[in-house]
Amino acid sequence: MGEALDYPVAAPADVEPAIYRAQIIQTMATRYMNHMRDVQPPFTMEEAMDAAKATWDTDWDDDPKPRTIEAGIEAADSDLAYWVEE
């Protein structure tokens, strides 16, 4: 996974920021996977990771700076809500 170091993360004291960033992006990808499992064909993990990375690389409506897992979930859910509206 490419490094997206331009967005600070709120990593716990004993976790490297790069690891925490990867956890946030993986959590976002899981949200995409769960939401898109019923579409035909369903999202692959690669597609879910691509969607999560694309969302990561954008400014979020309420970007907490530093980013958290909870904020990542909200950003993915907001993106998914937009997809449903179309």
C-alpha atoms as a PDB file:
ATOM      1  CA  MET A   1       0.000   0.000   0.000  1.00  0.00           C
ATOM      2  CA  GLY A   2       1.341   3.430  -0.862  1.00  0.00           C
ATOM      3  CA  GLU A   3       2.102   5.749   2.014  1.00  0.00           C
ATOM      4  CA  ALA A   4      -0.285   8.653   2.482  1.00  0.00           C
ATOM      5  CA  LEU A   5       1.653  10.584   5.087  1.00  0.00           C
ATOM      6  CA  ASP A   6       0.023  13.939   4.362  1.00  0.00           C
ATOM      7  CA  TYR A   7      -2.855  13.295   6.786  1.00  0.00           C
ATOM      8  CA  PRO A   8      -1.851  13.045  10.453  1.00  0.00           C
ATOM      9  CA  VAL A   9      -3.342  10.223  12.507  1.00  0.00           C
ATOM     10  CA  ALA A  10      -4.184   9.946  16.202  1.00  0.00           C
ATOM     11  CA  ALA A  11      -2.120   6.817  16.807  1.00  0.00           C
ATOM     12  CA  PRO A  12      -2.087   5.433  20.350  1.00  0.00           C
ATOM     13  CA  ALA A  13       1.225   5.992  22.155  1.00  0.00           C
ATOM     14  CA  ASP A  14       2.465   2.446  21.518  1.00  0.00           C
ATOM     15  CA  VAL A  15       1.461   2.246  17.824  1.00  0.00           C
ATOM     16  CA  GLU A  16       3.485   3.622  14.923  1.00  0.00           C
ATOM     17  CA  PRO A  17       1.518   6.192  12.887  1.00  0.00           C
ATOM     18  CA  ALA A  18       2.031   4.188   9.666  1.00  0.00           C
ATOM     19  CA  ILE A  19       0.506   1.097  11.315  1.00  0.00           C
ATOM     20  CA  TYR A  20      -2.439   3.074  12.675  1.00  0.00           C
ATOM     21  CA  ARG A  21      -2.965   4.694   9.256  1.00  0.00           C
ATOM     22  CA  ALA A  22      -3.066   1.224   7.693  1.00  0.00           C
ATOM     23  CA  GLN A  23      -5.596   0.137  10.331  1.00  0.00           C
ATOM     24  CA  ILE A  24      -7.827   3.095   9.495  1.00  0.00           C
ATOM     25  CA  ILE A  25      -7.673   2.387   5.755  1.00  0.00           C
ATOM     26  CA  GLN A  26      -8.298  -1.337   6.309  1.00  0.00           C
ATOM     27  CA  THR A  27     -11.301  -0.541   8.496  1.00  0.00           C
ATOM     28  CA  MET A  28     -12.642   1.726   5.761  1.00  0.00           C
ATOM     29  CA  ALA A  29     -12.106  -1.052   3.179  1.00  0.00           C
ATOM     30  CA  THR A  30     -14.058  -3.441   5.386  1.00  0.00           C
ATOM     31  CA  ARG A  31     -16.960  -0.954   5.422  1.00  0.00           C
ATOM     32  CA  TYR A  32     -16.907  -0.891   1.621  1.00  0.00           C
ATOM     33  CA  MET A  33     -16.740  -4.698   1.447  1.00  0.00           C
ATOM     34  CA  ASN A  34     -19.660  -5.142   3.831  1.00  0.00           C
ATOM     35  CA  HIS A  35     -21.817  -2.603   2.032  1.00  0.00           C
ATOM     36  CA  MET A  36     -21.040  -3.811  -1.469  1.00  0.00           C
ATOM     37  CA  ARG A  37     -21.263  -7.564  -0.816  1.00  0.00           C
ATOM     38  CA  ASP A  38     -24.733  -7.789  -2.359  1.00  0.00           C
ATOM     39  CA  VAL A  39     -23.950  -6.042  -5.637  1.00  0.00           C
ATOM     40  CA  GLN A  40     -23.256  -8.212  -8.649  1.00  0.00           C
ATOM     41  CA  PRO A  41     -20.440  -8.865  -8.970  1.00  0.00           C
ATOM     42  CA  PRO A  42     -19.550  -8.131  -5.337  1.00  0.00           C
ATOM     43  CA  PHE A  43     -16.594  -5.928  -4.492  1.00  0.00           C
ATOM     44  CA  THR A  44     -13.263  -7.702  -4.325  1.00  0.00           C
ATOM     45  CA  MET A  45     -10.876  -6.830  -1.500  1.00  0.00           C
ATOM     46  CA  GLU A  46      -8.730  -5.013  -4.051  1.00  0.00           C
ATOM     47  CA  GLU A  47     -11.688  -2.860  -5.117  1.00  0.00           C
ATOM     48  CA  ALA A  48     -12.580  -2.169  -1.487  1.00  0.00           C
ATOM     49  CA  MET A  49      -8.995  -1.132  -0.725  1.00  0.00           C
ATOM     50  CA  ASP A  50      -8.964   1.096  -3.827  1.00  0.00           C
ATOM     51  CA  ALA A  51     -12.171   2.782  -2.634  1.00  0.00           C
ATOM     52  CA  ALA A  52     -10.771   3.211   0.885  1.00  0.00           C
ATOM     53  CA  LYS A  53      -7.510   4.685  -0.418  1.00  0.00           C
ATOM     54  CA  ALA A  54      -9.407   7.042  -2.726  1.00  0.00           C
ATOM     55  CA  THR A  55     -11.513   8.227   0.205  1.00  0.00           C
ATOM     56  CA  TRP A  56      -8.408   8.518   2.384  1.00  0.00           C
ATOM     57  CA  ASP A  57      -6.775  10.761  -0.214  1.00  0.00           C
ATOM     58  CA  THR A  58      -9.621  13.293  -0.113  1.00  0.00           C
ATOM     59  CA  ASP A  59     -10.533  15.982   2.370  1.00  0.00           C
ATOM     60  CA  TRP A  60     -13.356  14.766   4.568  1.00  0.00           C
ATOM     61  CA  ASP A  61     -16.299  16.986   5.491  1.00  0.00           C
ATOM     62  CA  ASP A  62     -15.432  16.985   9.194  1.00  0.00           C
ATOM     63  CA  ASP A  63     -11.773  15.956   8.965  1.00  0.00           C
ATOM     64  CA  PRO A  64     -10.591  15.701  12.578  1.00  0.00           C
ATOM     65  CA  LYS A  65      -6.867  16.238  11.879  1.00  0.00           C
ATOM     66  CA  PRO A  66      -5.478  13.959  13.234  1.00  0.00           C
ATOM     67  CA  ARG A  67      -7.592  11.215  11.733  1.00  0.00           C
ATOM     68  CA  THR A  68      -9.033   8.376  13.780  1.00  0.00           C
ATOM     69  CA  ILE A  69     -10.592   5.000  13.025  1.00  0.00           C
ATOM     70  CA  GLU A  70     -13.988   6.402  13.999  1.00  0.00           C
ATOM     71  CA  ALA A  71     -13.575   9.323  11.583  1.00  0.00           C
ATOM     72  CA  GLY A  72     -12.527   6.876   8.843  1.00  0.00           C
ATOM     73  CA  ILE A  73     -15.715   4.886   9.384  1.00  0.00           C
ATOM     74  CA  GLU A  74     -17.765   8.084   9.148  1.00  0.00           C
ATOM     75  CA  ALA A  75     -15.967   9.110   5.943  1.00  0.00           C
ATOM     76  CA  ALA A  76     -16.554   5.703   4.324  1.00  0.00           C
ATOM     77  CA  ASP A  77     -20.201   5.671   5.422  1.00  0.00           C
ATOM     78  CA  SER A  78     -20.688   9.175   4.037  1.00  0.00           C
ATOM     79  CA  ASP A  79     -19.210   8.062   0.725  1.00  0.00           C
ATOM     80  CA  LEU A  80     -21.417   4.970   0.690  1.00  0.00           C
ATOM     81  CA  ALA A  81     -24.517   7.061   1.445  1.00  0.00           C
ATOM     82  CA  TYR A  82     -23.711   9.141  -1.644  1.00  0.00           C
ATOM     83  CA  TRP A  83     -23.423   5.978  -3.748  1.00  0.00           C
ATOM     84  CA  VAL A  84     -26.851   4.824  -2.576  1.00  0.00           C
ATOM     85  CA  GLU A  85     -28.437   8.169  -3.497  1.00  0.00           C
ATOM     86  CA  GLU A  86     -27.422   7.857  -7.152  1.00  0.00           C
END
